């Protein structure tokens, strides 16, 4: 059951965005989301069973309220998993102080031009997005 949940979340993280994403970059976020969903579901189940009585105030609508709050918690964990996936895609380039960066965007290609401020020489760094 847990493996199926993990694979489904990973599939959503790979297929849902409008850009191509490698499956290996979504593993951390999918693992976090799977573990988070299990933990939040257990704690929320214990909370609604032993500590709070929604049915006293809301009556028969209490089950809908419990479901909506549970879905809210799960969507928050899902969003945190997306953030974990996005943070892994960042590339850090150290730029010397005597150079400035010019970014040129083209379809499926990003070019960074490093311009030397002392003698105006350019060097390119290309990143192909596939």
N, C-alpha and C. Protein backbone atom coordinates (compact mmCIF):
# COMPACT_ATOMS: atom_id res chain seq x y z
N UNK A 1 0.82 -1.20 0.00
CA UNK A 1 0.00 0.00 0.00
C UNK A 1 0.87 1.26 0.00
N UNK A 2 1.90 1.27 0.85
CA UNK A 2 2.78 2.43 0.94
C UNK A 2 3.56 2.61 -0.36
N UNK A 3 3.99 1.50 -0.96
CA UNK A 3 4.74 1.58 -2.21
C UNK A 3 3.86 2.13 -3.33
N UNK A 4 2.60 1.71 -3.37
CA UNK A 4 1.67 2.21 -4.39
C UNK A 4 1.44 3.71 -4.20
N UNK A 5 1.28 4.14 -2.94
CA UNK A 5 1.12 5.57 -2.65
C UNK A 5 2.35 6.35 -3.11
N UNK A 6 3.54 5.83 -2.79
CA UNK A 6 4.79 6.49 -3.20
C UNK A 6 4.88 6.61 -4.71
N UNK A 7 4.60 5.52 -5.42
CA UNK A 7 4.71 5.54 -6.88
C UNK A 7 3.68 6.48 -7.51
N UNK A 8 2.48 6.54 -6.95
CA UNK A 8 1.47 7.46 -7.49
C UNK A 8 1.86 8.92 -7.28
N UNK A 9 2.38 9.24 -6.10
CA UNK A 9 2.82 10.61 -5.84
C UNK A 9 3.99 10.97 -6.76
N UNK A 10 4.92 10.05 -6.92
CA UNK A 10 6.07 10.28 -7.80
C UNK A 10 5.60 10.49 -9.24
N UNK A 11 4.62 9.71 -9.67
CA UNK A 11 4.08 9.86 -11.02
C UNK A 11 3.43 11.23 -11.20
N UNK A 12 2.70 11.69 -10.20
CA UNK A 12 2.10 13.02 -10.29
C UNK A 12 3.17 14.10 -10.36
N UNK A 13 4.22 13.97 -9.53
CA UNK A 13 5.31 14.96 -9.53
C UNK A 13 6.05 15.00 -10.87
N UNK A 14 6.11 13.86 -11.58
CA UNK A 14 6.80 13.82 -12.87
C UNK A 14 5.89 14.30 -14.00
N UNK A 15 4.63 13.88 -14.00
CA UNK A 15 3.75 14.12 -15.14
C UNK A 15 3.01 15.46 -15.10
N UNK A 16 2.75 15.98 -13.91
CA UNK A 16 1.90 17.17 -13.80
C UNK A 16 2.54 18.45 -14.32
N UNK A 17 3.82 18.74 -14.08
CA UNK A 17 4.37 20.02 -14.57
C UNK A 17 4.39 20.08 -16.09
N UNK A 18 4.46 21.29 -16.60
CA UNK A 18 4.44 21.52 -18.04
C UNK A 18 5.82 21.30 -18.68
N UNK A 19 6.83 21.05 -17.88
CA UNK A 19 8.17 20.81 -18.41
C UNK A 19 8.57 19.36 -18.15
N UNK A 20 9.57 18.89 -18.89
CA UNK A 20 10.04 17.52 -18.69
C UNK A 20 10.92 17.47 -17.44
N UNK A 21 10.61 16.53 -16.58
CA UNK A 21 11.35 16.37 -15.33
C UNK A 21 11.85 14.93 -15.26
N UNK A 22 13.11 14.77 -14.86
CA UNK A 22 13.65 13.43 -14.68
C UNK A 22 13.00 12.81 -13.44
N UNK A 23 12.72 11.54 -13.54
CA UNK A 23 12.07 10.85 -12.42
C UNK A 23 12.95 10.81 -11.18
N UNK A 24 14.25 10.80 -11.37
CA UNK A 24 15.15 10.72 -10.21
C UNK A 24 15.15 11.99 -9.37
N UNK A 25 14.77 13.12 -9.95
CA UNK A 25 14.76 14.37 -9.17
C UNK A 25 13.53 14.51 -8.29
N UNK A 26 12.55 13.66 -8.46
CA UNK A 26 11.32 13.75 -7.67
C UNK A 26 11.27 12.76 -6.52
N UNK A 27 12.31 11.98 -6.34
CA UNK A 27 12.29 10.93 -5.31
C UNK A 27 12.22 11.51 -3.90
N UNK A 28 13.02 12.53 -3.62
CA UNK A 28 13.04 13.11 -2.26
C UNK A 28 11.67 13.69 -1.89
N UNK A 29 11.08 14.45 -2.79
CA UNK A 29 9.78 15.04 -2.51
C UNK A 29 8.68 14.01 -2.37
N UNK A 30 8.71 12.98 -3.21
CA UNK A 30 7.70 11.93 -3.13
C UNK A 30 7.85 11.12 -1.84
N UNK A 31 9.08 10.87 -1.42
CA UNK A 31 9.31 10.15 -0.17
C UNK A 31 8.84 10.98 1.02
N UNK A 32 9.17 12.28 1.01
CA UNK A 32 8.71 13.16 2.08
C UNK A 32 7.19 13.20 2.14
N UNK A 33 6.54 13.32 0.99
CA UNK A 33 5.09 13.40 0.93
C UNK A 33 4.44 12.10 1.42
N UNK A 34 4.99 10.97 1.00
CA UNK A 34 4.43 9.68 1.43
C UNK A 34 4.51 9.52 2.94
N UNK A 35 5.69 9.77 3.51
CA UNK A 35 5.86 9.64 4.96
C UNK A 35 5.01 10.69 5.68
N UNK A 36 4.97 11.90 5.15
CA UNK A 36 4.17 12.96 5.76
C UNK A 36 2.68 12.64 5.76
N UNK A 37 2.18 12.09 4.66
CA UNK A 37 0.76 11.74 4.59
C UNK A 37 0.41 10.66 5.61
N UNK A 38 1.30 9.67 5.77
CA UNK A 38 1.03 8.59 6.73
C UNK A 38 1.03 9.15 8.14
N UNK A 39 2.01 9.97 8.49
CA UNK A 39 2.11 10.53 9.84
C UNK A 39 0.92 11.45 10.12
N UNK A 40 0.61 12.37 9.20
CA UNK A 40 -0.50 13.30 9.41
C UNK A 40 -1.82 12.54 9.51
N UNK A 41 -2.00 11.53 8.70
CA UNK A 41 -3.25 10.76 8.75
C UNK A 41 -3.41 10.05 10.10
N UNK A 42 -2.33 9.46 10.59
CA UNK A 42 -2.40 8.78 11.89
C UNK A 42 -2.69 9.76 13.02
N UNK A 43 -1.97 10.88 13.07
CA UNK A 43 -2.19 11.85 14.13
C UNK A 43 -3.57 12.47 14.06
N UNK A 44 -4.04 12.78 12.85
CA UNK A 44 -5.36 13.38 12.72
C UNK A 44 -6.46 12.38 13.09
N UNK A 45 -6.23 11.11 12.78
CA UNK A 45 -7.18 10.07 13.17
C UNK A 45 -7.26 9.96 14.69
N UNK A 46 -6.11 9.95 15.34
CA UNK A 46 -6.10 9.90 16.81
C UNK A 46 -6.76 11.14 17.41
N UNK A 47 -6.47 12.30 16.82
CA UNK A 47 -7.03 13.56 17.31
C UNK A 47 -8.56 13.57 17.21
N UNK A 48 -9.09 13.18 16.07
CA UNK A 48 -10.55 13.21 15.89
C UNK A 48 -11.24 12.11 16.69
N UNK A 49 -10.53 11.02 16.98
CA UNK A 49 -11.14 9.93 17.74
C UNK A 49 -11.20 10.23 19.24
N UNK A 50 -10.12 10.76 19.79
CA UNK A 50 -10.02 10.85 21.25
C UNK A 50 -10.15 12.27 21.83
N UNK A 51 -9.82 13.30 21.07
CA UNK A 51 -9.72 14.63 21.68
C UNK A 51 -10.82 15.61 21.31
N UNK A 52 -11.46 15.44 20.21
CA UNK A 52 -12.42 16.44 19.76
C UNK A 52 -13.72 15.76 19.34
N UNK A 53 -14.81 16.44 19.58
CA UNK A 53 -16.13 15.92 19.23
C UNK A 53 -16.81 16.92 18.29
N UNK A 54 -16.53 16.77 16.98
CA UNK A 54 -17.15 17.66 16.00
C UNK A 54 -18.66 17.47 15.92
N UNK A 55 -19.12 16.25 16.17
CA UNK A 55 -20.55 15.97 15.99
C UNK A 55 -21.44 16.68 17.01
N UNK A 56 -20.88 17.12 18.12
CA UNK A 56 -21.67 17.84 19.12
C UNK A 56 -22.12 19.19 18.55
N UNK A 57 -21.21 19.85 17.84
CA UNK A 57 -21.53 21.18 17.32
C UNK A 57 -22.10 21.13 15.90
N UNK A 58 -21.49 20.29 15.03
CA UNK A 58 -21.88 20.28 13.61
C UNK A 58 -22.90 19.21 13.25
N UNK A 59 -23.14 18.26 14.12
CA UNK A 59 -24.12 17.22 13.83
C UNK A 59 -23.68 16.31 12.71
N UNK A 60 -24.57 16.07 11.76
CA UNK A 60 -24.26 15.15 10.67
C UNK A 60 -23.26 15.72 9.67
N UNK A 61 -23.03 17.02 9.70
CA UNK A 61 -22.05 17.63 8.80
C UNK A 61 -20.60 17.48 9.30
N UNK A 62 -20.44 16.91 10.47
CA UNK A 62 -19.09 16.80 11.05
C UNK A 62 -18.17 15.93 10.20
N UNK A 63 -18.70 14.91 9.54
CA UNK A 63 -17.84 14.06 8.71
C UNK A 63 -17.30 14.83 7.52
N UNK A 64 -18.07 15.75 6.97
CA UNK A 64 -17.59 16.57 5.86
C UNK A 64 -16.50 17.52 6.34
N UNK A 65 -16.69 18.10 7.51
CA UNK A 65 -15.69 18.99 8.09
C UNK A 65 -14.39 18.25 8.37
N UNK A 66 -14.48 17.06 8.92
CA UNK A 66 -13.29 16.25 9.20
C UNK A 66 -12.56 15.92 7.90
N UNK A 67 -13.29 15.56 6.87
CA UNK A 67 -12.69 15.24 5.57
C UNK A 67 -11.99 16.46 4.97
N UNK A 68 -12.63 17.62 5.03
CA UNK A 68 -12.03 18.82 4.45
C UNK A 68 -10.76 19.24 5.18
N UNK A 69 -10.75 19.15 6.49
CA UNK A 69 -9.53 19.49 7.24
C UNK A 69 -8.42 18.51 6.93
N UNK A 70 -8.74 17.22 6.82
CA UNK A 70 -7.75 16.20 6.48
C UNK A 70 -7.16 16.44 5.09
N UNK A 71 -8.01 16.76 4.12
CA UNK A 71 -7.54 17.05 2.76
C UNK A 71 -6.66 18.31 2.75
N UNK A 72 -7.00 19.29 3.58
CA UNK A 72 -6.17 20.50 3.68
C UNK A 72 -4.77 20.15 4.17
N UNK A 73 -4.67 19.32 5.20
CA UNK A 73 -3.37 18.92 5.72
C UNK A 73 -2.57 18.15 4.66
N UNK A 74 -3.24 17.25 3.95
CA UNK A 74 -2.54 16.46 2.92
C UNK A 74 -2.07 17.34 1.77
N UNK A 75 -2.86 18.33 1.39
CA UNK A 75 -2.43 19.22 0.29
C UNK A 75 -1.25 20.09 0.71
N UNK A 76 -1.20 20.45 1.99
CA UNK A 76 -0.06 21.22 2.49
C UNK A 76 1.22 20.37 2.44
N UNK A 77 1.14 19.11 2.85
CA UNK A 77 2.29 18.21 2.76
C UNK A 77 2.69 18.00 1.31
N UNK A 78 1.71 17.87 0.42
CA UNK A 78 1.99 17.70 -1.01
C UNK A 78 2.74 18.90 -1.56
N UNK A 79 2.34 20.10 -1.16
CA UNK A 79 3.02 21.32 -1.61
C UNK A 79 4.44 21.40 -1.09
N UNK A 80 4.65 20.99 0.15
CA UNK A 80 6.01 20.96 0.69
C UNK A 80 6.89 19.98 -0.09
N UNK A 81 6.33 18.85 -0.52
CA UNK A 81 7.06 17.91 -1.36
C UNK A 81 7.45 18.53 -2.69
N UNK A 82 6.57 19.34 -3.27
CA UNK A 82 6.90 20.05 -4.51
C UNK A 82 8.05 21.02 -4.29
N UNK A 83 8.05 21.69 -3.16
CA UNK A 83 9.13 22.63 -2.84
C UNK A 83 10.45 21.89 -2.68
N UNK A 84 10.42 20.73 -2.05
CA UNK A 84 11.64 19.93 -1.92
C UNK A 84 12.16 19.51 -3.28
N UNK A 85 11.26 19.12 -4.18
CA UNK A 85 11.69 18.76 -5.55
C UNK A 85 12.29 19.95 -6.28
N UNK A 86 11.68 21.11 -6.14
CA UNK A 86 12.17 22.30 -6.85
C UNK A 86 13.52 22.76 -6.32
N UNK A 87 13.76 22.57 -5.03
CA UNK A 87 15.02 23.03 -4.47
C UNK A 87 16.19 22.18 -4.94
N UNK A 88 15.94 20.99 -5.41
CA UNK A 88 17.01 20.14 -5.91
C UNK A 88 17.46 20.48 -7.31
N UNK A 89 16.69 21.27 -8.04
CA UNK A 89 17.01 21.60 -9.42
C UNK A 89 17.86 22.85 -9.58
N UNK A 90 18.23 23.48 -8.50
CA UNK A 90 18.95 24.74 -8.56
C UNK A 90 20.43 24.48 -8.82
N UNK A 91 20.98 25.18 -9.79
CA UNK A 91 22.41 25.11 -10.06
C UNK A 91 23.06 26.38 -9.56
N UNK A 92 24.16 26.23 -8.87
CA UNK A 92 24.87 27.38 -8.32
C UNK A 92 26.14 27.58 -9.14
N UNK A 93 26.29 28.79 -9.64
CA UNK A 93 27.47 29.15 -10.41
C UNK A 93 28.15 30.30 -9.68
N UNK A 94 29.42 30.10 -9.35
CA UNK A 94 30.16 31.16 -8.68
C UNK A 94 30.69 32.12 -9.73
N UNK A 95 30.36 33.39 -9.56
CA UNK A 95 30.74 34.41 -10.53
C UNK A 95 31.78 35.33 -9.89
N UNK A 96 32.92 35.50 -10.55
CA UNK A 96 33.95 36.40 -10.01
C UNK A 96 33.43 37.83 -9.95
N UNK A 97 34.04 38.63 -9.07
CA UNK A 97 33.58 40.00 -8.87
C UNK A 97 33.81 40.90 -10.08
N UNK A 98 34.77 40.56 -10.92
CA UNK A 98 35.06 41.42 -12.07
C UNK A 98 34.23 41.07 -13.30
N UNK A 99 33.19 40.25 -13.14
CA UNK A 99 32.34 39.87 -14.28
C UNK A 99 30.90 40.18 -13.96
N UNK A 100 30.11 40.44 -15.00
CA UNK A 100 28.68 40.63 -14.86
C UNK A 100 27.97 39.56 -15.69
N UNK A 101 26.73 39.27 -15.32
CA UNK A 101 25.99 38.19 -15.96
C UNK A 101 24.87 38.77 -16.81
N UNK A 102 24.77 38.27 -18.05
CA UNK A 102 23.68 38.62 -18.95
C UNK A 102 23.00 37.30 -19.31
N UNK A 103 21.69 37.22 -19.08
CA UNK A 103 20.95 35.99 -19.34
C UNK A 103 20.13 36.15 -20.62
N UNK A 104 20.30 35.20 -21.54
CA UNK A 104 19.56 35.18 -22.80
C UNK A 104 18.67 33.95 -22.80
N UNK A 105 17.36 34.16 -22.91
CA UNK A 105 16.39 33.05 -22.90
C UNK A 105 15.94 32.77 -24.33
N UNK A 106 16.03 31.50 -24.72
CA UNK A 106 15.53 31.02 -26.00
C UNK A 106 14.70 29.77 -25.71
N UNK A 107 13.86 29.35 -26.64
CA UNK A 107 13.09 28.12 -26.39
C UNK A 107 14.03 26.93 -26.16
N UNK A 108 13.82 26.23 -25.06
CA UNK A 108 14.59 25.04 -24.67
C UNK A 108 16.07 25.32 -24.48
N UNK A 109 16.46 26.56 -24.28
CA UNK A 109 17.88 26.86 -24.12
C UNK A 109 18.03 28.15 -23.33
N UNK A 110 18.87 28.12 -22.33
CA UNK A 110 19.20 29.31 -21.57
C UNK A 110 20.68 29.54 -21.68
N UNK A 111 21.08 30.74 -22.06
CA UNK A 111 22.48 31.07 -22.20
C UNK A 111 22.83 32.16 -21.21
N UNK A 112 23.86 31.91 -20.43
CA UNK A 112 24.39 32.93 -19.53
C UNK A 112 25.68 33.46 -20.13
N UNK A 113 25.76 34.75 -20.28
CA UNK A 113 26.96 35.37 -20.82
C UNK A 113 27.67 36.08 -19.68
N UNK A 114 28.92 35.69 -19.46
CA UNK A 114 29.74 36.35 -18.44
C UNK A 114 30.60 37.39 -19.14
N UNK A 115 30.37 38.64 -18.82
CA UNK A 115 31.10 39.73 -19.45
C UNK A 115 32.15 40.25 -18.46
N UNK A 116 33.38 40.26 -18.91
CA UNK A 116 34.47 40.79 -18.09
C UNK A 116 34.37 42.31 -18.11
N UNK A 117 34.24 42.91 -16.95
CA UNK A 117 34.06 44.37 -16.88
C UNK A 117 35.34 45.13 -17.17
N UNK A 118 36.47 44.46 -17.10
CA UNK A 118 37.74 45.16 -17.35
C UNK A 118 38.04 45.31 -18.83
N UNK A 119 37.88 44.26 -19.61
CA UNK A 119 38.25 44.33 -21.02
C UNK A 119 37.13 43.93 -21.97
N UNK A 120 35.89 43.85 -21.49
CA UNK A 120 34.68 43.58 -22.30
C UNK A 120 34.76 42.29 -23.11
N UNK A 121 35.40 41.26 -22.58
CA UNK A 121 35.40 39.95 -23.24
C UNK A 121 34.23 39.13 -22.71
N UNK A 122 33.58 38.38 -23.62
CA UNK A 122 32.42 37.59 -23.24
C UNK A 122 32.77 36.10 -23.28
N UNK A 123 32.19 35.36 -22.39
CA UNK A 123 32.26 33.91 -22.43
C UNK A 123 30.85 33.39 -22.12
N UNK A 124 30.46 32.30 -22.79
CA UNK A 124 29.10 31.79 -22.68
C UNK A 124 29.05 30.50 -21.87
N UNK A 125 27.96 30.35 -21.14
CA UNK A 125 27.63 29.11 -20.47
C UNK A 125 26.24 28.74 -20.96
N UNK A 126 26.13 27.59 -21.62
CA UNK A 126 24.83 27.18 -22.17
C UNK A 126 24.24 26.08 -21.30
N UNK A 127 22.93 26.12 -21.16
CA UNK A 127 22.20 25.07 -20.47
C UNK A 127 21.03 24.68 -21.35
N UNK A 128 21.07 23.45 -21.84
CA UNK A 128 19.98 22.94 -22.67
C UNK A 128 18.95 22.31 -21.76
N UNK A 129 17.70 22.67 -21.91
CA UNK A 129 16.61 22.11 -21.14
C UNK A 129 15.91 21.06 -21.98
N UNK A 130 16.03 19.81 -21.58
CA UNK A 130 15.43 18.72 -22.35
C UNK A 130 14.39 18.01 -21.56
